[in-house]
Amino acid sequence: SNPHQAAAGYAAVTHKFPGCNEAGLRLLVGTAACEAAARHLTASPVFSFFHRPSSTFRVMMRLDAAKRPPASAFAALSHVARCPSCGEVWRVPSTRLGDAASLAPPCSCCSERGE
C-alpha cells in the first residue's frame, strides 16, 4: 500500500487493482530470483500465499546451484502490464519493456475503441 517502499525496495510501481496481491507475490518471487542469480544460484517458488487479515506475503523458495549461467534465467522473466481503462493484465517480456508504453494493449475494450 506504500508505493514509495515498492519503488525503493523492488524497483516497481504499484497500483491498487483486484490482482494486486498476486502482483505483490510476483514482485517478491522475482526479487528473490534476481538475488539468487547474483549469487550464482537458481531460485524456484515452491508455494506462495497472501494472508489478507495481516497483509502478509509468505513464499517458500527452493535454492539450487546454477546449472547454467544465471543470465539465462532472466530470459524467462516478464513483467505484468495493466490496462488503465478496463483493468485487464498481460505479460510484457523483459526484452520489450522499453516499448511497453507504446504497445497497444491486447484487451478487447481498447482495441474496439481504437486506443
Foldseek 3Di string as FASTA:
>chain_A
DDQVCCCVPQVDGADDDPCRLVVVLVSVQVVVQVVLLVVQKGKDWPDWDADVVVRDIDTDIDIGHHPDRSVVVLQPDWHWDADPPPGDIDTGGPVCVVVVVVDDDPDPVCVVVVD
